[in-house]
Amino acid sequence: MTKDELLALCAVYPGAAVDCPFEDGGNVVVRHAAGRKWFALVFERDGKLCVNLKCEPMKADFWRAAYPAATPGWHMNHTHWNTVEVNAGVPPEDLCEMISDSYRLTTSPARAERSTRRAKQRPQP
């Protein structure tokens, strides 16, 4: 998977914004446009494509046990973030699940509550 393909996977979520806030231009943040919270940090380390993704602590441990390519978050809180080496054996469906979880975990509570409220107010067929 290329960096552009990984960014495209992250950018499909509602309100996702791709940003290059660092001077080096190599590290790319994917964040919620509204709250500006990160849910993915895409970078290269030792020539390998990596992504930092937020996880629930038990799920972070699960991914680390399942795949050597998933390690405690590089320069992040090791309890809540994993670094995933993208092209090192993690199946695409599991990587997509990790990205989805990270997006969900970083969605602001107020926004999530509004979405839930709207869903409850929709007429049922």
PDB file of N, CA and C in Angstrom:
ATOM      1  N   MET A   1       0.852  -1.174   0.000  1.00  0.00           N
ATOM      2  CA  MET A   1       0.000   0.000   0.000  1.00  0.00           C
ATOM      3  C   MET A   1       0.898   1.238   0.000  1.00  0.00           C
ATOM      4  N   THR A   2       0.510   2.218  -0.784  1.00  0.00           N
ATOM      5  CA  THR A   2       1.276   3.461  -0.838  1.00  0.00           C
ATOM      6  C   THR A   2       0.740   4.453   0.188  1.00  0.00           C
ATOM      7  N   LYS A   3       1.492   5.499   0.403  1.00  0.00           N
ATOM      8  CA  LYS A   3       1.065   6.560   1.318  1.00  0.00           C
ATOM      9  C   LYS A   3      -0.244   7.182   0.834  1.00  0.00           C
ATOM     10  N   ASP A   4      -0.349   7.435  -0.468  1.00  0.00           N
ATOM     11  CA  ASP A   4      -1.577   8.021  -1.017  1.00  0.00           C
ATOM     12  C   ASP A   4      -2.774   7.098  -0.834  1.00  0.00           C
ATOM     13  N   GLU A   5      -2.579   5.797  -0.998  1.00  0.00           N
ATOM     14  CA  GLU A   5      -3.675   4.839  -0.789  1.00  0.00           C
ATOM     15  C   GLU A   5      -4.105   4.820   0.675  1.00  0.00           C
ATOM     16  N   LEU A   6      -3.144   4.878   1.580  1.00  0.00           N
ATOM     17  CA  LEU A   6      -3.459   4.917   3.010  1.00  0.00           C
ATOM     18  C   LEU A   6      -4.227   6.190   3.354  1.00  0.00           C
ATOM     19  N   LEU A   7      -3.780   7.321   2.841  1.00  0.00           N
ATOM     20  CA  LEU A   7      -4.481   8.586   3.095  1.00  0.00           C
ATOM     21  C   LEU A   7      -5.892   8.549   2.519  1.00  0.00           C
ATOM     22  N   ALA A   8      -6.065   7.923   1.370  1.00  0.00           N
ATOM     23  CA  ALA A   8      -7.401   7.800   0.777  1.00  0.00           C
ATOM     24  C   ALA A   8      -8.314   6.962   1.671  1.00  0.00           C
ATOM     25  N   LEU A   9      -7.777   5.903   2.291  1.00  0.00           N
ATOM     26  CA  LEU A   9      -8.571   5.090   3.226  1.00  0.00           C
ATOM     27  C   LEU A   9      -9.040   5.927   4.413  1.00  0.00           C
ATOM     28  N   CYS A  10      -8.178   6.788   4.891  1.00  0.00           N
ATOM     29  CA  CYS A  10      -8.509   7.628   6.046  1.00  0.00           C
ATOM     30  C   CYS A  10      -9.461   8.761   5.671  1.00  0.00           C
ATOM     31  N   ALA A  11      -9.352   9.259   4.464  1.00  0.00           N
ATOM     32  CA  ALA A  11     -10.112  10.447   4.050  1.00  0.00           C
ATOM     33  C   ALA A  11     -11.573  10.162   3.728  1.00  0.00           C
ATOM     34  N   VAL A  12     -11.987   8.901   3.706  1.00  0.00           N
ATOM     35  CA  VAL A  12     -13.381   8.589   3.353  1.00  0.00           C
ATOM     36  C   VAL A  12     -14.361   8.880   4.488  1.00  0.00           C
ATOM     37  N   TYR A  13     -13.876   9.091   5.683  1.00  0.00           N
ATOM     38  CA  TYR A  13     -14.765   9.312   6.825  1.00  0.00           C
ATOM     39  C   TYR A  13     -15.342  10.722   6.798  1.00  0.00           C
ATOM     40  N   PRO A  14     -16.599  10.875   7.233  1.00  0.00           N
ATOM     41  CA  PRO A  14     -17.238  12.200   7.209  1.00  0.00           C
ATOM     42  C   PRO A  14     -16.430  13.230   7.994  1.00  0.00           C
ATOM     43  N   GLY A  15     -16.159  14.348   7.376  1.00  0.00           N
ATOM     44  CA  GLY A  15     -15.443  15.430   8.038  1.00  0.00           C
ATOM     45  C   GLY A  15     -13.952  15.213   8.175  1.00  0.00           C
ATOM     46  N   ALA A  16     -13.413  14.175   7.545  1.00  0.00           N
ATOM     47  CA  ALA A  16     -11.969  13.928   7.630  1.00  0.00           C
ATOM     48  C   ALA A  16     -11.222  14.966   6.803  1.00  0.00           C
ATOM     49  N   ALA A  17     -10.154  15.493   7.373  1.00  0.00           N
ATOM     50  CA  ALA A  17      -9.334  16.489   6.685  1.00  0.00           C
ATOM     51  C   ALA A  17      -7.876  16.060   6.752  1.00  0.00           C
ATOM     52  N   VAL A  18      -7.215  16.062   5.604  1.00  0.00           N
ATOM     53  CA  VAL A  18      -5.798  15.712   5.528  1.00  0.00           C
ATOM     54  C   VAL A  18      -4.999  16.998   5.686  1.00  0.00           C
ATOM     55  N   ASP A  19      -3.998  16.967   6.566  1.00  0.00           N
ATOM     56  CA  ASP A  19      -3.253  18.172   6.908  1.00  0.00           C
ATOM     57  C   ASP A  19      -1.764  17.839   7.037  1.00  0.00           C
ATOM     58  N   CYS A  20      -0.924  18.783   6.675  1.00  0.00           N
ATOM     59  CA  CYS A  20       0.538  18.649   6.830  1.00  0.00           C
ATOM     60  C   CYS A  20       1.028  19.768   7.743  1.00  0.00           C
ATOM     61  N   PRO A  21       0.838  19.637   9.062  1.00  0.00           N
ATOM     62  CA  PRO A  21       1.157  20.735   9.976  1.00  0.00           C
ATOM     63  C   PRO A  21       2.636  20.862  10.339  1.00  0.00           C
ATOM     64  N   PHE A  22       3.444  19.902   9.946  1.00  0.00           N
ATOM     65  CA  PHE A  22       4.842  19.914  10.353  1.00  0.00           C
ATOM     66  C   PHE A  22       5.716  20.464   9.235  1.00  0.00           C
ATOM     67  N   GLU A  23       6.785  21.120   9.619  1.00  0.00           N
ATOM     68  CA  GLU A  23       7.671  21.771   8.650  1.00  0.00           C
ATOM     69  C   GLU A  23       8.299  20.804   7.659  1.00  0.00           C
ATOM     70  N   ASP A  24       8.549  19.568   8.083  1.00  0.00           N
ATOM     71  CA  ASP A  24       9.224  18.629   7.177  1.00  0.00           C
ATOM     72  C   ASP A  24       8.336  18.191   6.017  1.00  0.00           C
ATOM     73  N   GLY A  25       7.018  18.314   6.170  1.00  0.00           N
ATOM     74  CA  GLY A  25       6.091  17.962   5.104  1.00  0.00           C
ATOM     75  C   GLY A  25       5.914  16.472   4.891  1.00  0.00           C
ATOM     76  N   GLY A  26       6.706  15.647   5.551  1.00  0.00           N
ATOM     77  CA  GLY A  26       6.602  14.203   5.367  1.00  0.00           C
ATOM     78  C   GLY A  26       5.529  13.559   6.217  1.00  0.00           C
ATOM     79  N   ASN A  27       5.292  14.110   7.397  1.00  0.00           N
ATOM     80  CA  ASN A  27       4.270  13.567   8.289  1.00  0.00           C
ATOM     81  C   ASN A  27       2.931  14.201   7.949  1.00  0.00           C
ATOM     82  N   VAL A  28       1.922  13.351   7.810  1.00  0.00           N
ATOM     83  CA  VAL A  28       0.597  13.827   7.425  1.00  0.00           C
ATOM     84  C   VAL A  28      -0.395  13.436   8.511  1.00  0.00           C
ATOM     85  N   VAL A  29      -1.180  14.400   8.950  1.00  0.00           N
ATOM     86  CA  VAL A  29      -2.204  14.180   9.964  1.00  0.00           C
ATOM     87  C   VAL A  29      -3.559  14.098   9.277  1.00  0.00           C
ATOM     88  N   VAL A  30      -4.364  13.133   9.690  1.00  0.00           N
ATOM     89  CA  VAL A  30      -5.756  13.086   9.247  1.00  0.00           C
ATOM     90  C   VAL A  30      -6.579  13.355  10.490  1.00  0.00           C
ATOM     91  N   ARG A  31      -7.411  14.382  10.407  1.00  0.00           N
ATOM     92  CA  ARG A  31      -8.138  14.850  11.591  1.00  0.00           C
ATOM     93  C   ARG A  31      -9.595  15.093  11.256  1.00  0.00           C
ATOM     94  N   HIS A  32     -10.380  15.272  12.316  1.00  0.00           N
ATOM     95  CA  HIS A  32     -11.767  15.708  12.172  1.00  0.00           C
ATOM     96  C   HIS A  32     -11.724  17.196  11.864  1.00  0.00           C
ATOM     97  N   ALA A  33     -12.352  17.608  10.779  1.00  0.00           N
ATOM     98  CA  ALA A  33     -12.314  19.016  10.380  1.00  0.00           C
ATOM     99  C   ALA A  33     -12.934  19.906  11.455  1.00  0.00           C
ATOM    100  N   ALA A  34     -14.031  19.460  12.058  1.00  0.00           N
ATOM    101  CA  ALA A  34     -14.745  20.292  13.033  1.00  0.00           C
ATOM    102  C   ALA A  34     -13.935  20.492  14.315  1.00  0.00           C
ATOM    103  N   GLY A  35     -13.543  19.421  14.966  1.00  0.00           N
ATOM    104  CA  GLY A  35     -12.852  19.539  16.246  1.00  0.00           C
ATOM    105  C   GLY A  35     -11.346  19.537  16.132  1.00  0.00           C
ATOM    106  N   ARG A  36     -10.841  19.243  14.947  1.00  0.00           N
ATOM    107  CA  ARG A  36      -9.415  19.208  14.634  1.00  0.00           C
ATOM    108  C   ARG A  36      -8.654  18.128  15.405  1.00  0.00           C
ATOM    109  N   LYS A  37      -9.365  17.153  15.988  1.00  0.00           N
ATOM    110  CA  LYS A  37      -8.681  16.047  16.668  1.00  0.00           C
ATOM    111  C   LYS A  37      -8.108  15.092  15.630  1.00  0.00           C
ATOM    112  N   TRP A  38      -6.893  14.638  15.879  1.00  0.00           N
ATOM    113  CA  TRP A  38      -6.253  13.663  14.996  1.00  0.00           C
ATOM    114  C   TRP A  38      -6.896  12.301  15.185  1.00  0.00           C
ATOM    115  N   PHE A  39      -7.011  11.556  14.096  1.00  0.00           N
ATOM    116  CA  PHE A  39      -7.311  10.138  14.257  1.00  0.00           C
ATOM    117  C   PHE A  39      -6.284   9.268  13.530  1.00  0.00           C
ATOM    118  N   ALA A  40      -5.423   9.885  12.731  1.00  0.00           N
ATOM    119  CA  ALA A  40      -4.336   9.137  12.093  1.00  0.00           C
ATOM    120  C   ALA A  40      -3.153  10.070  11.846  1.00  0.00           C
ATOM    121  N   LEU A  41      -1.976   9.559  12.092  1.00  0.00           N
ATOM    122  CA  LEU A  41      -0.743  10.265  11.758  1.00  0.00           C
ATOM    123  C   LEU A  41       0.055   9.327  10.860  1.00  0.00           C
ATOM    124  N   VAL A  42       0.225   9.729   9.610  1.00  0.00           N
ATOM    125  CA  VAL A  42       0.909   8.906   8.615  1.00  0.00           C
ATOM    126  C   VAL A  42       2.338   9.428   8.458  1.00  0.00           C
ATOM    127  N   PHE A  43       3.306   8.521   8.528  1.00  0.00           N
ATOM    128  CA  PHE A  43       4.709   8.933   8.458  1.00  0.00           C
ATOM    129  C   PHE A  43       5.565   7.760   8.004  1.00  0.00           C
ATOM    130  N   GLU A  44       6.799   8.049   7.673  1.00  0.00           N
ATOM    131  CA  GLU A  44       7.770   7.004   7.373  1.00  0.00           C
ATOM    132  C   GLU A  44       8.797   6.962   8.487  1.00  0.00           C
ATOM    133  N   ARG A  45       9.124   5.741   8.904  1.00  0.00           N
ATOM    134  CA  ARG A  45      10.155   5.549   9.924  1.00  0.00           C
ATOM    135  C   ARG A  45      11.089   4.452   9.434  1.00  0.00           C
ATOM    136  N   ASP A  46      12.344   4.770   9.344  1.00  0.00           N
ATOM    137  CA  ASP A  46      13.342   3.830   8.815  1.00  0.00           C
ATOM    138  C   ASP A  46      12.945   3.330   7.424  1.00  0.00           C
ATOM    139  N   GLY A  47      12.367   4.230   6.625  1.00  0.00           N
ATOM    140  CA  GLY A  47      11.981   3.893   5.260  1.00  0.00           C
ATOM    141  C   GLY A  47      10.712   3.072   5.134  1.00  0.00           C
ATOM    142  N   LYS A  48       9.984   2.901   6.241  1.00  0.00           N
ATOM    143  CA  LYS A  48       8.764   2.086   6.225  1.00  0.00           C
ATOM    144  C   LYS A  48       7.550   2.968   6.487  1.00  0.00           C
ATOM    145  N   LEU A  49       6.479   2.731   5.732  1.00  0.00           N
ATOM    146  CA  LEU A  49       5.238   3.480   5.891  1.00  0.00           C
ATOM    147  C   LEU A  49       4.540   3.038   7.175  1.00  0.00           C
ATOM    148  N   CYS A  50       4.215   4.012   8.033  1.00  0.00           N
ATOM    149  CA  CYS A  50       3.583   3.729   9.325  1.00  0.00           C
ATOM    150  C   CYS A  50       2.403   4.665   9.536  1.00  0.00           C
ATOM    151  N   VAL A  51       1.519   4.252  10.427  1.00  0.00           N
ATOM    152  CA  VAL A  51       0.401   5.105  10.816  1.00  0.00           C
ATOM    153  C   VAL A  51       0.159   4.930  12.312  1.00  0.00           C
ATOM    154  N   ASN A  52      -0.025   6.040  13.018  1.00  0.00           N
ATOM    155  CA  ASN A  52      -0.431   6.013  14.422  1.00  0.00           C
ATOM    156  C   ASN A  52      -1.947   6.090  14.459  1.00  0.00           C
ATOM    157  N   LEU A  53      -2.563   5.177  15.221  1.00  0.00           N
ATOM    158  CA  LEU A  53      -4.020   5.117  15.325  1.00  0.00           C
ATOM    159  C   LEU A  53      -4.429   4.957  16.782  1.00  0.00           C
ATOM    160  N   LYS A  54      -5.473   5.665  17.170  1.00  0.00           N
ATOM    161  CA  LYS A  54      -5.976   5.570  18.542  1.00  0.00           C
ATOM    162  C   LYS A  54      -6.732   4.255  18.711  1.00  0.00           C
ATOM    163  N   CYS A  55      -6.598   3.657  19.903  1.00  0.00           N
ATOM    164  CA  CYS A  55      -7.244   2.375  20.205  1.00  0.00           C
ATOM    165  C   CYS A  55      -7.751   2.380  21.637  1.00  0.00           C
ATOM    166  N   GLU A  56      -8.753   1.557  21.884  1.00  0.00           N
ATOM    167  CA  GLU A  56      -9.109   1.276  23.269  1.00  0.00           C
ATOM    168  C   GLU A  56      -7.978   0.411  23.826  1.00  0.00           C
ATOM    169  N   PRO A  57      -7.614   0.568  25.099  1.00  0.00           N
ATOM    170  CA  PRO A  57      -6.451  -0.150  25.636  1.00  0.00           C
ATOM    171  C   PRO A  57      -6.460  -1.666  25.403  1.00  0.00           C
ATOM    172  N   MET A  58      -7.595  -2.326  25.615  1.00  0.00           N
ATOM    173  CA  MET A  58      -7.627  -3.782  25.423  1.00  0.00           C
ATOM    174  C   MET A  58      -7.450  -4.149  23.950  1.00  0.00           C
ATOM    175  N   LYS A  59      -8.019  -3.322  23.082  1.00  0.00           N
ATOM    176  CA  LYS A  59      -7.886  -3.593  21.649  1.00  0.00           C
ATOM    177  C   LYS A  59      -6.459  -3.299  21.188  1.00  0.00           C
ATOM    178  N   ALA A  60      -5.822  -2.296  21.770  1.00  0.00           N
ATOM    179  CA  ALA A  60      -4.421  -2.008  21.439  1.00  0.00           C
ATOM    180  C   ALA A  60      -3.558  -3.232  21.751  1.00  0.00           C
ATOM    181  N   ASP A  61      -3.774  -3.813  22.922  1.00  0.00           N
ATOM    182  CA  ASP A  61      -3.028  -5.015  23.301  1.00  0.00           C
ATOM    183  C   ASP A  61      -3.341  -6.181  22.364  1.00  0.00           C
ATOM    184  N   PHE A  62      -4.610  -6.310  21.981  1.00  0.00           N
ATOM    185  CA  PHE A  62      -5.012  -7.378  21.060  1.00  0.00           C
ATOM    186  C   PHE A  62      -4.259  -7.266  19.735  1.00  0.00           C
ATOM    187  N   TRP A  63      -4.254  -6.055  19.147  1.00  0.00           N
ATOM    188  CA  TRP A  63      -3.577  -5.871  17.857  1.00  0.00           C
ATOM    189  C   TRP A  63      -2.074  -6.125  17.991  1.00  0.00           C
ATOM    190  N   ARG A  64      -1.493  -5.697  19.098  1.00  0.00           N
ATOM    191  CA  ARG A  64      -0.053  -5.910  19.294  1.00  0.00           C
ATOM    192  C   ARG A  64       0.281  -7.397  19.398  1.00  0.00           C
ATOM    193  N   ALA A  65      -0.610  -8.155  20.048  1.00  0.00           N
ATOM    194  CA  ALA A  65      -0.391  -9.598  20.171  1.00  0.00           C
ATOM    195  C   ALA A  65      -0.620 -10.307  18.832  1.00  0.00           C
ATOM    196  N   ALA A  66      -1.551  -9.790  18.044  1.00  0.00           N
ATOM    197  CA  ALA A  66      -1.894 -10.433  16.771  1.00  0.00           C
ATOM    198  C   ALA A  66      -0.862 -10.169  15.680  1.00  0.00           C
ATOM    199  N   TYR A  67      -0.272  -8.971  15.688  1.00  0.00           N
ATOM    200  CA  TYR A  67       0.628  -8.576  14.600  1.00  0.00           C
ATOM    201  C   TYR A  67       1.894  -7.906  15.140  1.00  0.00           C
ATOM    202  N   PRO A  68       3.053  -8.441  14.815  1.00  0.00           N
ATOM    203  CA  PRO A  68       4.300  -7.772  15.205  1.00  0.00           C
ATOM    204  C   PRO A  68       4.417  -6.364  14.615  1.00  0.00           C
ATOM    205  N   ALA A  69       3.679  -6.091  13.543  1.00  0.00           N
ATOM    206  CA  ALA A  69       3.720  -4.765  12.902  1.00  0.00           C
ATOM    207  C   ALA A  69       2.958  -3.711  13.700  1.00  0.00           C
ATOM    208  N   ALA A  70       2.199  -4.126  14.713  1.00  0.00           N
ATOM    209  CA  ALA A  70       1.473  -3.188  15.587  1.00  0.00           C
ATOM    210  C   ALA A  70       2.250  -3.072  16.896  1.00  0.00           C
ATOM    211  N   THR A  71       2.691  -1.859  17.190  1.00  0.00           N
ATOM    212  CA  THR A  71       3.513  -1.611  18.375  1.00  0.00           C
ATOM    213  C   THR A  71       2.951  -0.402  19.129  1.00  0.00           C
ATOM    214  N   PRO A  72       3.377  -0.191  20.384  1.00  0.00           N
ATOM    215  CA  PRO A  72       2.912   1.001  21.106  1.00  0.00           C
ATOM    216  C   PRO A  72       3.190   2.270  20.303  1.00  0.00           C
ATOM    217  N   GLY A  73       2.265   3.210  20.369  1.00  0.00           N
ATOM    218  CA  GLY A  73       2.325   4.424  19.554  1.00  0.00           C
ATOM    219  C   GLY A  73       3.637   5.179  19.657  1.00  0.00           C
ATOM    220  N   TRP A  74       4.248   5.409  18.531  1.00  0.00           N
ATOM    221  CA  TRP A  74       5.512   6.145  18.450  1.00  0.00           C
ATOM    222  C   TRP A  74       5.245   7.612  18.730  1.00  0.00           C
ATOM    223  N   HIS A  75       5.874   8.144  19.760  1.00  0.00           N
ATOM    224  CA  HIS A  75       5.695   9.529  20.217  1.00  0.00           C
ATOM    225  C   HIS A  75       4.251   9.819  20.642  1.00  0.00           C
ATOM    226  N   MET A  76       3.533   8.793  21.071  1.00  0.00           N
ATOM    227  CA  MET A  76       2.140   8.954  21.497  1.00  0.00           C
ATOM    228  C   MET A  76       1.972   8.229  22.834  1.00  0.00           C
ATOM    229  N   ASN A  77       0.791   8.375  23.431  1.00  0.00           N
ATOM    230  CA  ASN A  77       0.456   7.650  24.643  1.00  0.00           C
ATOM    231  C   ASN A  77       0.400   6.160  24.300  1.00  0.00           C
ATOM    232  N   HIS A  78       1.258   5.364  24.917  1.00  0.00           N
ATOM    233  CA  HIS A  78       1.371   3.952  24.564  1.00  0.00           C
ATOM    234  C   HIS A  78       0.157   3.131  24.966  1.00  0.00           C
ATOM    235  N   THR A  79      -0.652   3.627  25.871  1.00  0.00           N
ATOM    236  CA  THR A  79      -1.852   2.905  26.279  1.00  0.00           C
ATOM    237  C   THR A  79      -2.951   3.036  25.230  1.00  0.00           C
ATOM    238  N   HIS A  80      -3.053   4.211  24.631  1.00  0.00           N
ATOM    239  CA  HIS A  80      -4.190   4.518  23.758  1.00  0.00           C
ATOM    240  C   HIS A  80      -3.865   4.607  22.273  1.00  0.00           C
ATOM    241  N   TRP A  81      -2.608   4.474  21.900  1.00  0.00           N
ATOM    242  CA  TRP A  81      -2.229   4.605  20.487  1.00  0.00           C
ATOM    243  C   TRP A  81      -1.319   3.464  20.075  1.00  0.00           C
ATOM    244  N   ASN A  82      -1.525   2.982  18.859  1.00  0.00           N
ATOM    245  CA  ASN A  82      -0.632   2.006  18.247  1.00  0.00           C
ATOM    246  C   ASN A  82       0.007   2.613  17.011  1.00  0.00           C
ATOM    247  N   THR A  83       1.220   2.202  16.747  1.00  0.00           N
ATOM    248  CA  THR A  83       1.865   2.477  15.473  1.00  0.00           C
ATOM    249  C   THR A  83       1.781   1.188  14.675  1.00  0.00           C
ATOM    250  N   VAL A  84       1.280   1.293  13.452  1.00  0.00           N
ATOM    251  CA  VAL A  84       1.149   0.126  12.587  1.00  0.00           C
ATOM    252  C   VAL A  84       2.059   0.318  11.381  1.00  0.00           C
ATOM    253  N   GLU A  85       2.966  -0.631  11.181  1.00  0.00           N
ATOM    254  CA  GLU A  85       3.767  -0.644   9.964  1.00  0.00           C
ATOM    255  C   GLU A  85       2.860  -1.217   8.874  1.00  0.00           C
ATOM    256  N   VAL A  86       2.535  -0.378   7.912  1.00  0.00           N
ATOM    257  CA  VAL A  86       1.446  -0.669   6.975  1.00  0.00           C
ATOM    258  C   VAL A  86       1.692  -1.891   6.097  1.00  0.00           C
ATOM    259  N   ASN A  87       2.842  -2.057   5.556  1.00  0.00           N
ATOM    260  CA  ASN A  87       3.090  -3.149   4.605  1.00  0.00           C
ATOM    261  C   ASN A  87       3.851  -4.309   5.236  1.00  0.00           C
ATOM    262  N   ALA A  88       3.489  -4.640   6.468  1.00  0.00           N
ATOM    263  CA  ALA A  88       4.238  -5.675   7.192  1.00  0.00           C
ATOM    264  C   ALA A  88       3.341  -6.797   7.697  1.00  0.00           C
ATOM    265  N   GLY A  89       2.316  -7.133   6.936  1.00  0.00           N
ATOM    266  CA  GLY A  89       1.534  -8.315   7.267  1.00  0.00           C
ATOM    267  C   GLY A  89       0.188  -8.090   7.918  1.00  0.00           C
ATOM    268  N   VAL A  90      -0.206  -6.854   8.171  1.00  0.00           N
ATOM    269  CA  VAL A  90      -1.548  -6.603   8.711  1.00  0.00           C
ATOM    270  C   VAL A  90      -2.526  -6.629   7.533  1.00  0.00           C
ATOM    271  N   PRO A  91      -3.517  -7.529   7.553  1.00  0.00           N
ATOM    272  CA  PRO A  91      -4.468  -7.589   6.446  1.00  0.00           C
ATOM    273  C   PRO A  91      -5.222  -6.262   6.291  1.00  0.00           C
ATOM    274  N   PRO A  92      -5.540  -5.888   5.049  1.00  0.00           N
ATOM    275  CA  PRO A  92      -6.233  -4.613   4.809  1.00  0.00           C
ATOM    276  C   PRO A  92      -7.525  -4.461   5.610  1.00  0.00           C
ATOM    277  N   GLU A  93      -8.276  -5.551   5.782  1.00  0.00           N
ATOM    278  CA  GLU A  93      -9.536  -5.441   6.530  1.00  0.00           C
ATOM    279  C   GLU A  93      -9.284  -5.105   8.000  1.00  0.00           C
ATOM    280  N   ASP A  94      -8.197  -5.616   8.578  1.00  0.00           N
ATOM    281  CA  ASP A  94      -7.871  -5.277   9.964  1.00  0.00           C
ATOM    282  C   ASP A  94      -7.354  -3.844  10.068  1.00  0.00           C
ATOM    283  N   LEU A  95      -6.571  -3.416   9.099  1.00  0.00           N
ATOM    284  CA  LEU A  95      -6.115  -2.023   9.085  1.00  0.00           C
ATOM    285  C   LEU A  95      -7.312  -1.083   8.974  1.00  0.00           C
ATOM    286  N   CYS A  96      -8.276  -1.430   8.126  1.00  0.00           N
ATOM    287  CA  CYS A  96      -9.489  -0.607   7.994  1.00  0.00           C
ATOM    288  C   CYS A  96     -10.261  -0.556   9.307  1.00  0.00           C
ATOM    289  N   GLU A  97     -10.320  -1.680  10.020  1.00  0.00           N
ATOM    290  CA  GLU A  97     -10.997  -1.699  11.323  1.00  0.00           C
ATOM    291  C   GLU A  97     -10.276  -0.793  12.322  1.00  0.00           C
ATOM    292  N   MET A  98      -8.954  -0.821  12.311  1.00  0.00           N
ATOM    293  CA  MET A  98      -8.174   0.038  13.210  1.00  0.00           C
ATOM    294  C   MET A  98      -8.414   1.512  12.896  1.00  0.00           C
ATOM    295  N   ILE A  99      -8.457   1.859  11.619  1.00  0.00           N
ATOM    296  CA  ILE A  99      -8.709   3.248  11.219  1.00  0.00           C
ATOM    297  C   ILE A  99     -10.105   3.667  11.650  1.00  0.00           C
ATOM    298  N   SER A 100     -11.083   2.797  11.433  1.00  0.00           N
ATOM    299  CA  SER A 100     -12.463   3.093  11.818  1.00  0.00           C
ATOM    300  C   SER A 100     -12.585   3.304  13.327  1.00  0.00           C
ATOM    301  N   ASP A 101     -11.939   2.437  14.103  1.00  0.00           N
ATOM    302  CA  ASP A 101     -11.961   2.581  15.566  1.00  0.00           C
ATOM    303  C   ASP A 101     -11.332   3.906  15.985  1.00  0.00           C
ATOM    304  N   SER A 102     -10.219   4.257  15.371  1.00  0.00           N
ATOM    305  CA  SER A 102      -9.538   5.503  15.714  1.00  0.00           C
ATOM    306  C   SER A 102     -10.422   6.704  15.402  1.00  0.00           C
ATOM    307  N   TYR A 103     -11.073   6.677  14.254  1.00  0.00           N
ATOM    308  CA  TYR A 103     -11.986   7.760  13.872  1.00  0.00           C
ATOM    309  C   TYR A 103     -13.102   7.890  14.917  1.00  0.00           C
ATOM    310  N   ARG A 104     -13.705   6.755  15.274  1.00  0.00           N
ATOM    311  CA  ARG A 104     -14.815   6.749  16.234  1.00  0.00           C
ATOM    312  C   ARG A 104     -14.365   7.246  17.610  1.00  0.00           C
ATOM    313  N   LEU A 105     -13.213   6.805  18.055  1.00  0.00           N
ATOM    314  CA  LEU A 105     -12.730   7.176  19.388  1.00  0.00           C
ATOM    315  C   LEU A 105     -12.353   8.648  19.501  1.00  0.00           C
ATOM    316  N   THR A 106     -12.062   9.282  18.393  1.00  0.00           N
ATOM    317  CA  THR A 106     -11.659  10.688  18.430  1.00  0.00           C
ATOM    318  C   THR A 106     -12.778  11.633  18.020  1.00  0.00           C
ATOM    319  N   THR A 107     -13.954  11.088  17.727  1.00  0.00           N
ATOM    320  CA  THR A 107     -15.108  11.934  17.431  1.00  0.00           C
ATOM    321  C   THR A 107     -15.535  12.608  18.723  1.00  0.00           C
ATOM    322  N   SER A 108     -15.805  13.908  18.659  1.00  0.00           N
ATOM    323  CA  SER A 108     -16.169  14.634  19.878  1.00  0.00           C
ATOM    324  C   SER A 108     -17.482  14.093  20.433  1.00  0.00           C
ATOM    325  N   PRO A 109     -17.598  13.982  21.757  1.00  0.00           N
ATOM    326  CA  PRO A 109     -18.816  13.454  22.373  1.00  0.00           C
ATOM    327  C   PRO A 109     -20.062  14.244  21.974  1.00  0.00           C
ATOM    328  N   ALA A 110     -19.966  15.555  21.881  1.00  0.00           N
ATOM    329  CA  ALA A 110     -21.132  16.368  21.524  1.00  0.00           C
ATOM    330  C   ALA A 110     -21.601  16.035  20.117  1.00  0.00           C
ATOM    331  N   ARG A 111     -20.674  15.876  19.197  1.00  0.00           N
ATOM    332  CA  ARG A 111     -21.029  15.545  17.817  1.00  0.00           C
ATOM    333  C   ARG A 111     -21.661  14.152  17.754  1.00  0.00           C
ATOM    334  N   ALA A 112     -21.085  13.199  18.478  1.00  0.00           N
ATOM    335  CA  ALA A 112     -21.628  11.844  18.499  1.00  0.00           C
ATOM    336  C   ALA A 112     -23.034  11.842  19.085  1.00  0.00           C
ATOM    337  N   GLU A 113     -23.248  12.642  20.142  1.00  0.00           N
ATOM    338  CA  GLU A 113     -24.567  12.721  20.766  1.00  0.00           C
ATOM    339  C   GLU A 113     -25.588  13.310  19.796  1.00  0.00           C
ATOM    340  N   ARG A 114     -25.210  14.356  19.067  1.00  0.00           N
ATOM    341  CA  ARG A 114     -26.117  14.956  18.076  1.00  0.00           C
ATOM    342  C   ARG A 114     -26.487  13.945  17.000  1.00  0.00           C
ATOM    343  N   SER A 115     -25.509  13.173  16.545  1.00  0.00           N
ATOM    344  CA  SER A 115     -25.773  12.166  15.518  1.00  0.00           C
ATOM    345  C   SER A 115     -26.736  11.111  16.036  1.00  0.00           C
ATOM    346  N   THR A 116     -26.548  10.692  17.288  1.00  0.00           N
ATOM    347  CA  THR A 116     -27.437   9.699  17.887  1.00  0.00           C
ATOM    348  C   THR A 116     -28.842  10.260  18.031  1.00  0.00           C
ATOM    349  N   ARG A 117     -28.942  11.514  18.482  1.00  0.00           N
ATOM    350  CA  ARG A 117     -30.241  12.156  18.631  1.00  0.00           C
ATOM    351  C   ARG A 117     -30.975  12.242  17.296  1.00  0.00           C
ATOM    352  N   ARG A 118     -30.259  12.664  16.257  1.00  0.00           N
ATOM    353  CA  ARG A 118     -30.867  12.773  14.920  1.00  0.00           C
ATOM    354  C   ARG A 118     -31.340  11.412  14.439  1.00  0.00           C
ATOM    355  N   ALA A 119     -30.550  10.386  14.690  1.00  0.00           N
ATOM    356  CA  ALA A 119     -30.927   9.041  14.250  1.00  0.00           C
ATOM    357  C   ALA A 119     -32.199   8.584  14.952  1.00  0.00           C
ATOM    358  N   LYS A 120     -32.340   8.924  16.235  1.00  0.00           N
ATOM    359  CA  LYS A 120     -33.540   8.532  16.979  1.00  0.00           C
ATOM    360  C   LYS A 120     -34.768   9.298  16.505  1.00  0.00           C
ATOM    361  N   GLN A 121     -34.567  10.516  15.991  1.00  0.00           N
ATOM    362  CA  GLN A 121     -35.688  11.345  15.552  1.00  0.00           C
ATOM    363  C   GLN A 121     -36.156  11.001  14.145  1.00  0.00           C
ATOM    364  N   ARG A 122     -35.369  10.251  13.395  1.00  0.00           N
ATOM    365  CA  ARG A 122     -35.759   9.897  12.034  1.00  0.00           C
ATOM    366  C   ARG A 122     -36.980   9.000  12.069  1.00  0.00           C
ATOM    367  N   PRO A 123     -37.899   9.231  11.129  1.00  0.00           N
ATOM    368  CA  PRO A 123     -39.067   8.349  11.066  1.00  0.00           C
ATOM    369  C   PRO A 123     -38.644   6.925  10.709  1.00  0.00           C
ATOM    370  N   GLN A 124     -39.275   5.987  11.326  1.00  0.00           N
ATOM    371  CA  GLN A 124     -38.987   4.580  11.061  1.00  0.00           C
ATOM    372  C   GLN A 124     -39.913   4.070   9.955  1.00  0.00           C
ATOM    373  N   PRO A 125     -39.404   3.239   9.049  1.00  0.00           N
ATOM    374  CA  PRO A 125     -40.255   2.705   7.964  1.00  0.00           C
ATOM    375  C   PRO A 125     -41.283   1.725   8.472  1.00  0.00           C
TER     376      PRO A 125
END
